PDB file of N, CA and C in Angstrom:
ATOM      1  N   MET A   1     -24.255 -38.514  16.931  1.00  0.00           N
ATOM      2  CA  MET A   1     -24.538 -37.902  15.654  1.00  0.00           C
ATOM      3  C   MET A   1     -24.653 -36.391  15.734  1.00  0.00           C
ATOM      4  N   VAL A   2     -25.418 -35.902  16.677  1.00  0.00           N
ATOM      5  CA  VAL A   2     -25.563 -34.470  16.807  1.00  0.00           C
ATOM      6  C   VAL A   2     -24.294 -33.816  17.213  1.00  0.00           C
ATOM      7  N   ALA A   3     -23.480 -34.484  18.058  1.00  0.00           N
ATOM      8  CA  ALA A   3     -22.189 -33.969  18.464  1.00  0.00           C
ATOM      9  C   ALA A   3     -21.262 -33.800  17.268  1.00  0.00           C
ATOM     10  N   HIS A   4     -21.329 -34.742  16.355  1.00  0.00           N
ATOM     11  CA  HIS A   4     -20.495 -34.637  15.145  1.00  0.00           C
ATOM     12  C   HIS A   4     -20.849 -33.471  14.297  1.00  0.00           C
ATOM     13  N   ILE A   5     -22.130 -33.220  14.150  1.00  0.00           N
ATOM     14  CA  ILE A   5     -22.618 -32.071  13.377  1.00  0.00           C
ATOM     15  C   ILE A   5     -22.223 -30.762  14.040  1.00  0.00           C
ATOM     16  N   LEU A   6     -22.333 -30.721  15.363  1.00  0.00           N
ATOM     17  CA  LEU A   6     -21.954 -29.462  16.052  1.00  0.00           C
ATOM     18  C   LEU A   6     -20.421 -29.251  15.981  1.00  0.00           C
ATOM     19  N   LEU A   7     -19.685 -30.310  16.069  1.00  0.00           N
ATOM     20  CA  LEU A   7     -18.230 -30.175  15.972  1.00  0.00           C
ATOM     21  C   LEU A   7     -17.853 -29.651  14.553  1.00  0.00           C
ATOM     22  N   THR A   8     -18.443 -30.221  13.545  1.00  0.00           N
ATOM     23  CA  THR A   8     -18.228 -29.832  12.131  1.00  0.00           C
ATOM     24  C   THR A   8     -18.568 -28.334  11.984  1.00  0.00           C
ATOM     25  N   LEU A   9     -19.724 -27.915  12.499  1.00  0.00           N
ATOM     26  CA  LEU A   9     -20.180 -26.550  12.418  1.00  0.00           C
ATOM     27  C   LEU A   9     -19.217 -25.593  13.126  1.00  0.00           C
ATOM     28  N   ALA A  10     -18.721 -25.983  14.336  1.00  0.00           N
ATOM     29  CA  ALA A  10     -17.806 -25.193  15.083  1.00  0.00           C
ATOM     30  C   ALA A  10     -16.494 -25.025  14.352  1.00  0.00           C
ATOM     31  N   LEU A  11     -16.031 -26.154  13.761  1.00  0.00           N
ATOM     32  CA  LEU A  11     -14.787 -26.068  12.947  1.00  0.00           C
ATOM     33  C   LEU A  11     -14.943 -25.182  11.720  1.00  0.00           C
ATOM     34  N   ALA A  12     -16.100 -25.225  11.071  1.00  0.00           N
ATOM     35  CA  ALA A  12     -16.315 -24.414   9.856  1.00  0.00           C
ATOM     36  C   ALA A  12     -16.375 -22.934  10.344  1.00  0.00           C
ATOM     37  N   LEU A  13     -17.000 -22.588  11.383  1.00  0.00           N
ATOM     38  CA  LEU A  13     -17.064 -21.226  11.870  1.00  0.00           C
ATOM     39  C   LEU A  13     -15.654 -20.754  12.240  1.00  0.00           C
ATOM     40  N   TYR A  14     -14.895 -21.591  12.900  1.00  0.00           N
ATOM     41  CA  TYR A  14     -13.554 -21.240  13.326  1.00  0.00           C
ATOM     42  C   TYR A  14     -12.647 -20.948  12.058  1.00  0.00           C
ATOM     43  N   CYS A  15     -12.778 -21.843  11.071  1.00  0.00           N
ATOM     44  CA  CYS A  15     -11.909 -21.637   9.887  1.00  0.00           C
ATOM     45  C   CYS A  15     -12.380 -20.387   9.090  1.00  0.00           C
ATOM     46  N   THR A  16     -13.641 -20.144   9.091  1.00  0.00           N
ATOM     47  CA  THR A  16     -14.195 -18.910   8.418  1.00  0.00           C
ATOM     48  C   THR A  16     -13.662 -17.684   9.150  1.00  0.00           C
ATOM     49  N   GLY A  17     -13.779 -17.694  10.415  1.00  0.00           N
ATOM     50  CA  GLY A  17     -13.238 -16.518  11.205  1.00  0.00           C
ATOM     51  C   GLY A  17     -11.786 -16.327  11.035  1.00  0.00           C
ATOM     52  N   ALA A  18     -11.005 -17.423  11.075  1.00  0.00           N
ATOM     53  CA  ALA A  18      -9.581 -17.309  10.879  1.00  0.00           C
ATOM     54  C   ALA A  18      -9.212 -16.785   9.486  1.00  0.00           C
ATOM     55  N   GLY A  19      -9.945 -17.236   8.524  1.00  0.00           N
ATOM     56  CA  GLY A  19      -9.663 -16.723   7.138  1.00  0.00           C
ATOM     57  C   GLY A  19     -10.025 -15.280   7.005  1.00  0.00           C
ATOM     58  N   LEU A  20     -11.105 -14.819   7.596  1.00  0.00           N
ATOM     59  CA  LEU A  20     -11.434 -13.431   7.535  1.00  0.00           C
ATOM     60  C   LEU A  20     -10.437 -12.611   8.278  1.00  0.00           C
ATOM     61  N   LEU A  21      -9.939 -13.035   9.386  1.00  0.00           N
ATOM     62  CA  LEU A  21      -8.848 -12.269  10.125  1.00  0.00           C
ATOM     63  C   LEU A  21      -7.577 -12.223   9.314  1.00  0.00           C
ATOM     64  N   TYR A  22      -7.273 -13.300   8.605  1.00  0.00           N
ATOM     65  CA  TYR A  22      -6.131 -13.329   7.745  1.00  0.00           C
ATOM     66  C   TYR A  22      -6.265 -12.277   6.691  1.00  0.00           C
ATOM     67  N   LEU A  23      -7.413 -12.184   6.013  1.00  0.00           N
ATOM     68  CA  LEU A  23      -7.611 -11.188   4.980  1.00  0.00           C
ATOM     69  C   LEU A  23      -7.564  -9.715   5.553  1.00  0.00           C
ATOM     70  N   TYR A  24      -8.069  -9.608   6.763  1.00  0.00           N
ATOM     71  CA  TYR A  24      -7.982  -8.244   7.369  1.00  0.00           C
ATOM     72  C   TYR A  24      -6.523  -7.868   7.651  1.00  0.00           C
ATOM     73  N   GLY A  25      -5.704  -8.835   8.119  1.00  0.00           N
ATOM     74  CA  GLY A  25      -4.323  -8.576   8.327  1.00  0.00           C
ATOM     75  C   GLY A  25      -3.549  -8.314   7.017  1.00  0.00           C
ATOM     76  N   LEU A  26      -3.907  -9.037   5.973  1.00  0.00           N
ATOM     77  CA  LEU A  26      -3.329  -8.864   4.678  1.00  0.00           C
ATOM     78  C   LEU A  26      -3.616  -7.456   4.105  1.00  0.00           C
ATOM     79  N   ASN A  27      -4.856  -7.002   4.426  1.00  0.00           N
ATOM     80  CA  ASN A  27      -5.287  -5.654   3.969  1.00  0.00           C
ATOM     81  C   ASN A  27      -4.341  -4.587   4.582  1.00  0.00           C
ATOM     82  N   CYS A  28      -3.904  -4.843   5.798  1.00  0.00           N
ATOM     83  CA  CYS A  28      -3.119  -3.864   6.504  1.00  0.00           C
ATOM     84  C   CYS A  28      -1.750  -3.717   5.721  1.00  0.00           C
ATOM     85  N   PHE A  29      -1.144  -4.829   5.333  1.00  0.00           N
ATOM     86  CA  PHE A  29       0.066  -4.816   4.575  1.00  0.00           C
ATOM     87  C   PHE A  29      -0.122  -4.213   3.199  1.00  0.00           C
ATOM     88  N   VAL A  30      -1.187  -4.385   2.566  1.00  0.00           N
ATOM     89  CA  VAL A  30      -1.469  -3.768   1.287  1.00  0.00           C
ATOM     90  C   VAL A  30      -1.539  -2.248   1.438  1.00  0.00           C
ATOM     91  N   MET A  31      -2.303  -1.825   2.500  1.00  0.00           N
ATOM     92  CA  MET A  31      -2.417  -0.322   2.735  1.00  0.00           C
ATOM     93  C   MET A  31      -1.067   0.272   3.036  1.00  0.00           C
ATOM     94  N   ILE A  32      -0.242  -0.381   3.799  1.00  0.00           N
ATOM     95  CA  ILE A  32       1.100   0.181   4.091  1.00  0.00           C
ATOM     96  C   ILE A  32       1.899   0.245   2.789  1.00  0.00           C
ATOM     97  N   GLY A  33       1.851  -0.773   1.909  1.00  0.00           N
ATOM     98  CA  GLY A  33       2.540  -0.739   0.712  1.00  0.00           C
ATOM     99  C   GLY A  33       2.074   0.395  -0.190  1.00  0.00           C
ATOM    100  N   LEU A  34       0.773   0.631  -0.250  1.00  0.00           N
ATOM    101  CA  LEU A  34       0.247   1.734  -1.072  1.00  0.00           C
ATOM    102  C   LEU A  34       0.655   3.070  -0.539  1.00  0.00           C
ATOM    103  N   PHE A  35       0.684   3.189   0.746  1.00  0.00           N
ATOM    104  CA  PHE A  35       1.100   4.405   1.364  1.00  0.00           C
ATOM    105  C   PHE A  35       2.562   4.741   1.093  1.00  0.00           C
ATOM    106  N   LEU A  36       3.446   3.767   1.212  1.00  0.00           N
ATOM    107  CA  LEU A  36       4.864   3.953   0.971  1.00  0.00           C
ATOM    108  C   LEU A  36       5.137   4.327  -0.493  1.00  0.00           C
ATOM    109  N   ARG A  37       4.426   3.654  -1.413  1.00  0.00           N
ATOM    110  CA  ARG A  37       4.614   3.884  -2.869  1.00  0.00           C
ATOM    111  C   ARG A  37       4.138   5.297  -3.130  1.00  0.00           C
ATOM    112  N   GLY A  38       3.012   5.728  -2.614  1.00  0.00           N
ATOM    113  CA  GLY A  38       2.482   7.051  -2.879  1.00  0.00           C
ATOM    114  C   GLY A  38       3.316   8.140  -2.209  1.00  0.00           C
ATOM    115  N   ARG A  39       3.942   7.868  -1.043  1.00  0.00           N
ATOM    116  CA  ARG A  39       4.791   8.815  -0.412  1.00  0.00           C
ATOM    117  C   ARG A  39       6.049   9.056  -1.235  1.00  0.00           C
ATOM    118  N   ALA A  40       6.623   8.008  -1.799  1.00  0.00           N
ATOM    119  CA  ALA A  40       7.782   8.184  -2.658  1.00  0.00           C
ATOM    120  C   ALA A  40       7.483   9.039  -3.868  1.00  0.00           C
ATOM    121  N   GLN A  41       6.323   8.874  -4.492  1.00  0.00           N
ATOM    122  CA  GLN A  41       5.940   9.652  -5.639  1.00  0.00           C
ATOM    123  C   GLN A  41       5.736  11.109  -5.224  1.00  0.00           C
ATOM    124  N   ARG A  42       5.070  11.357  -4.097  1.00  0.00           N
ATOM    125  CA  ARG A  42       4.836  12.708  -3.609  1.00  0.00           C
ATOM    126  C   ARG A  42       6.151  13.414  -3.237  1.00  0.00           C
ATOM    127  N   GLN A  43       7.120  12.684  -2.708  1.00  0.00           N
ATOM    128  CA  GLN A  43       8.387  13.283  -2.343  1.00  0.00           C
ATOM    129  C   GLN A  43       9.131  13.713  -3.635  1.00  0.00           C
ATOM    130  N   ALA A  44       9.005  12.969  -4.712  1.00  0.00           N
ATOM    131  CA  ALA A  44       9.659  13.291  -5.951  1.00  0.00           C
ATOM    132  C   ALA A  44       8.991  14.571  -6.563  1.00  0.00           C
ATOM    133  N   GLU A  45       7.696  14.646  -6.456  1.00  0.00           N
ATOM    134  CA  GLU A  45       6.947  15.798  -6.978  1.00  0.00           C
ATOM    135  C   GLU A  45       7.340  17.021  -6.186  1.00  0.00           C
ATOM    136  N   ASP A  46       7.374  16.886  -4.842  1.00  0.00           N
ATOM    137  CA  ASP A  46       7.756  18.023  -4.042  1.00  0.00           C
ATOM    138  C   ASP A  46       9.152  18.488  -4.321  1.00  0.00           C
ATOM    139  N   GLU A  47      10.093  17.602  -4.578  1.00  0.00           N
ATOM    140  CA  GLU A  47      11.470  17.951  -4.921  1.00  0.00           C
ATOM    141  C   GLU A  47      11.462  18.746  -6.217  1.00  0.00           C
ATOM    142  N   GLN A  48      10.648  18.400  -7.213  1.00  0.00           N
ATOM    143  CA  GLN A  48      10.625  19.182  -8.436  1.00  0.00           C
ATOM    144  C   GLN A  48      10.047  20.576  -8.198  1.00  0.00           C
ATOM    145  N   ILE A  49       9.072  20.701  -7.313  1.00  0.00           N
ATOM    146  CA  ILE A  49       8.550  22.006  -6.994  1.00  0.00           C
ATOM    147  C   ILE A  49       9.606  22.847  -6.321  1.00  0.00           C
ATOM    148  N   ARG A  50      10.331  22.260  -5.386  1.00  0.00           N
ATOM    149  CA  ARG A  50      11.387  22.972  -4.693  1.00  0.00           C
ATOM    150  C   ARG A  50      12.502  23.486  -5.648  1.00  0.00           C
ATOM    151  N   ARG A  51      12.830  22.660  -6.641  1.00  0.00           N
ATOM    152  CA  ARG A  51      13.872  23.082  -7.620  1.00  0.00           C
ATOM    153  C   ARG A  51      13.380  24.231  -8.427  1.00  0.00           C
ATOM    154  N   ARG A  52      12.085  24.257  -8.819  1.00  0.00           N
ATOM    155  CA  ARG A  52      11.575  25.389  -9.596  1.00  0.00           C
ATOM    156  C   ARG A  52      11.637  26.719  -8.787  1.00  0.00           C
ATOM    157  N   PHE A  53      11.363  26.657  -7.490  1.00  0.00           N
ATOM    158  CA  PHE A  53      11.406  27.879  -6.698  1.00  0.00           C
ATOM    159  C   PHE A  53      12.829  28.343  -6.424  1.00  0.00           C
ATOM    160  N   VAL A  54      13.710  27.425  -6.296  1.00  0.00           N
ATOM    161  CA  VAL A  54      15.106  27.771  -6.004  1.00  0.00           C
ATOM    162  C   VAL A  54      15.789  28.334  -7.232  1.00  0.00           C
ATOM    163  N   ALA A  55      15.531  27.807  -8.368  1.00  0.00           N
ATOM    164  CA  ALA A  55      16.198  28.187  -9.621  1.00  0.00           C
ATOM    165  C   ALA A  55      15.727  29.515 -10.131  1.00  0.00           C
TER     166      ALA A  55
END
């Protein structure tokens, strides 16, 4: 009986840890996406500034 409870607890802790690691990894992809989106916007703004100085 005690072994069953300990096994269930270990499985719950394992699943919780795996889920948290999944969210951490997902966060990495979200941050990369936000960086790439922001970089494209900044490059467009920089190009407009360059055109104003050249013209």
